[in-house]
Amino acid sequence: MNCNGVIRRVSSYIDGELAATVVEEIELHLKECRHCTIVVQQTKLTVSLYYDSDLVDFPMEVQARLHEKLRRKMREDRK
C-alpha cells in the first residue's frame, strides 16, 4: 500500500468498510508514514467534530462553485 492507496480509502477505512487484508495493508503503511497517519487522524477528528452538527444549507452560488471545483479536480485526477 502506498500513500495514494491510503488516501483513496481513508473514508472506507475509518468507516470499517474494508476487507481485513486491506486494513492490514493500510495499518502497515501507517506505521511507516507520518503523513498518512496525520491525514487519517485529522479525518477522524473532523468526522467526530461534525458528526452531531446541524446541517448547513449553502447558498446556490457556493454550491455551484464547489461542484465545479470538484468536477475539475475529478477530471484532472483521471488524466
C-alpha atoms as a PDB file:
ATOM      1  CA  MET A   1       0.000   0.000   0.000  1.00  0.00           C
ATOM      2  CA  ASN A   2       1.253   3.479  -0.840  1.00  0.00           C
ATOM      3  CA  CYS A   3       0.102   6.976   0.168  1.00  0.00           C
ATOM      4  CA  ASN A   4      -2.248   7.276  -2.786  1.00  0.00           C
ATOM      5  CA  GLY A   5      -3.937   4.000  -1.871  1.00  0.00           C
ATOM      6  CA  VAL A   6      -4.413   5.077   1.730  1.00  0.00           C
ATOM      7  CA  ILE A   7      -5.828   8.469   0.758  1.00  0.00           C
ATOM      8  CA  ARG A   8      -8.300   6.883  -1.682  1.00  0.00           C
ATOM      9  CA  ARG A   9      -9.530   4.510   1.036  1.00  0.00           C
ATOM     10  CA  VAL A  10      -9.407   6.747   4.106  1.00  0.00           C
ATOM     11  CA  SER A  11     -13.195   7.116   4.417  1.00  0.00           C
ATOM     12  CA  SER A  12     -13.838   3.409   3.971  1.00  0.00           C
ATOM     13  CA  TYR A  13     -11.027   2.643   6.420  1.00  0.00           C
ATOM     14  CA  ILE A  14     -12.475   4.932   9.078  1.00  0.00           C
ATOM     15  CA  ASP A  15     -15.987   3.577   8.491  1.00  0.00           C
ATOM     16  CA  GLY A  16     -14.779  -0.035   8.854  1.00  0.00           C
ATOM     17  CA  GLU A  17     -15.909  -0.989   5.356  1.00  0.00           C
ATOM     18  CA  LEU A  18     -12.692  -2.604   4.086  1.00  0.00           C
ATOM     19  CA  ALA A  19     -11.628  -6.225   3.979  1.00  0.00           C
ATOM     20  CA  ALA A  20      -9.284  -7.285   6.759  1.00  0.00           C
ATOM     21  CA  THR A  21      -6.396  -7.732   4.329  1.00  0.00           C
ATOM     22  CA  VAL A  22      -6.740  -4.147   3.074  1.00  0.00           C
ATOM     23  CA  VAL A  23      -6.971  -2.823   6.657  1.00  0.00           C
ATOM     24  CA  GLU A  24      -3.778  -4.709   7.460  1.00  0.00           C
ATOM     25  CA  GLU A  25      -2.005  -3.164   4.449  1.00  0.00           C
ATOM     26  CA  ILE A  26      -3.142   0.317   5.448  1.00  0.00           C
ATOM     27  CA  GLU A  27      -2.070  -0.142   9.048  1.00  0.00           C
ATOM     28  CA  LEU A  28       1.350  -1.378   7.967  1.00  0.00           C
ATOM     29  CA  HIS A  29       1.712   1.715   5.814  1.00  0.00           C
ATOM     30  CA  LEU A  30       0.563   3.984   8.642  1.00  0.00           C
ATOM     31  CA  LYS A  31       3.304   2.598  10.901  1.00  0.00           C
ATOM     32  CA  GLU A  32       5.881   3.865   8.403  1.00  0.00           C
ATOM     33  CA  CYS A  33       4.245   7.017   7.012  1.00  0.00           C
ATOM     34  CA  ARG A  34       3.737  10.007   9.274  1.00  0.00           C
ATOM     35  CA  HIS A  35       1.971  11.981   6.522  1.00  0.00           C
ATOM     36  CA  CYS A  36      -0.760   9.371   6.050  1.00  0.00           C
ATOM     37  CA  THR A  37      -1.078   8.872   9.793  1.00  0.00           C
ATOM     38  CA  ILE A  38      -1.776  12.594  10.171  1.00  0.00           C
ATOM     39  CA  VAL A  39      -4.317  12.502   7.327  1.00  0.00           C
ATOM     40  CA  VAL A  40      -6.183   9.590   8.948  1.00  0.00           C
ATOM     41  CA  GLN A  41      -6.084  11.201  12.401  1.00  0.00           C
ATOM     42  CA  GLN A  42      -7.279  14.565  11.089  1.00  0.00           C
ATOM     43  CA  THR A  43     -10.050  12.938   9.070  1.00  0.00           C
ATOM     44  CA  LYS A  44     -11.231  11.028  12.149  1.00  0.00           C
ATOM     45  CA  LEU A  45     -11.138  14.247  14.168  1.00  0.00           C
ATOM     46  CA  THR A  46     -13.105  16.139  11.518  1.00  0.00           C
ATOM     47  CA  VAL A  47     -15.748  13.414  11.377  1.00  0.00           C
ATOM     48  CA  SER A  48     -16.090  13.375  15.157  1.00  0.00           C
ATOM     49  CA  LEU A  49     -16.372  17.177  15.329  1.00  0.00           C
ATOM     50  CA  TYR A  50     -19.079  17.398  12.707  1.00  0.00           C
ATOM     51  CA  TYR A  51     -20.920  14.138  13.359  1.00  0.00           C
ATOM     52  CA  ASP A  52     -23.568  15.668  15.600  1.00  0.00           C
ATOM     53  CA  SER A  53     -23.621  19.096  13.958  1.00  0.00           C
ATOM     54  CA  ASP A  54     -26.647  20.556  12.299  1.00  0.00           C
ATOM     55  CA  LEU A  55     -26.658  20.541   8.520  1.00  0.00           C
ATOM     56  CA  VAL A  56     -25.900  23.847   6.868  1.00  0.00           C
ATOM     57  CA  ASP A  57     -27.515  24.952   3.640  1.00  0.00           C
ATOM     58  CA  PHE A  58     -25.012  26.677   1.396  1.00  0.00           C
ATOM     59  CA  PRO A  59     -26.220  29.396  -0.931  1.00  0.00           C
ATOM     60  CA  MET A  60     -26.754  28.158  -4.501  1.00  0.00           C
ATOM     61  CA  GLU A  61     -23.762  30.197  -5.718  1.00  0.00           C
ATOM     62  CA  VAL A  62     -21.457  28.466  -3.218  1.00  0.00           C
ATOM     63  CA  GLN A  63     -22.874  25.044  -4.142  1.00  0.00           C
ATOM     64  CA  ALA A  64     -22.315  25.737  -7.854  1.00  0.00           C
ATOM     65  CA  ARG A  65     -18.699  26.850  -7.273  1.00  0.00           C
ATOM     66  CA  LEU A  66     -17.999  23.822  -5.091  1.00  0.00           C
ATOM     67  CA  HIS A  67     -19.478  21.403  -7.630  1.00  0.00           C
ATOM     68  CA  GLU A  68     -17.481  22.982 -10.446  1.00  0.00           C
ATOM     69  CA  LYS A  69     -14.240  22.697  -8.472  1.00  0.00           C
ATOM     70  CA  LEU A  70     -14.993  19.056  -7.679  1.00  0.00           C
ATOM     71  CA  ARG A  71     -15.739  18.298 -11.336  1.00  0.00           C
ATOM     72  CA  ARG A  72     -12.482  19.964 -12.404  1.00  0.00           C
ATOM     73  CA  LYS A  73     -10.500  18.035  -9.783  1.00  0.00           C
ATOM     74  CA  MET A  74     -12.063  14.730 -10.846  1.00  0.00           C
ATOM     75  CA  ARG A  75     -11.184  15.430 -14.497  1.00  0.00           C
ATOM     76  CA  GLU A  76      -7.589  16.261 -13.525  1.00  0.00           C
ATOM     77  CA  ASP A  77      -7.268  13.086 -11.472  1.00  0.00           C
ATOM     78  CA  ARG A  78      -8.422  10.937 -14.405  1.00  0.00           C
ATOM     79  CA  LYS A  79      -5.582  12.195 -16.627  1.00  0.00           C
END
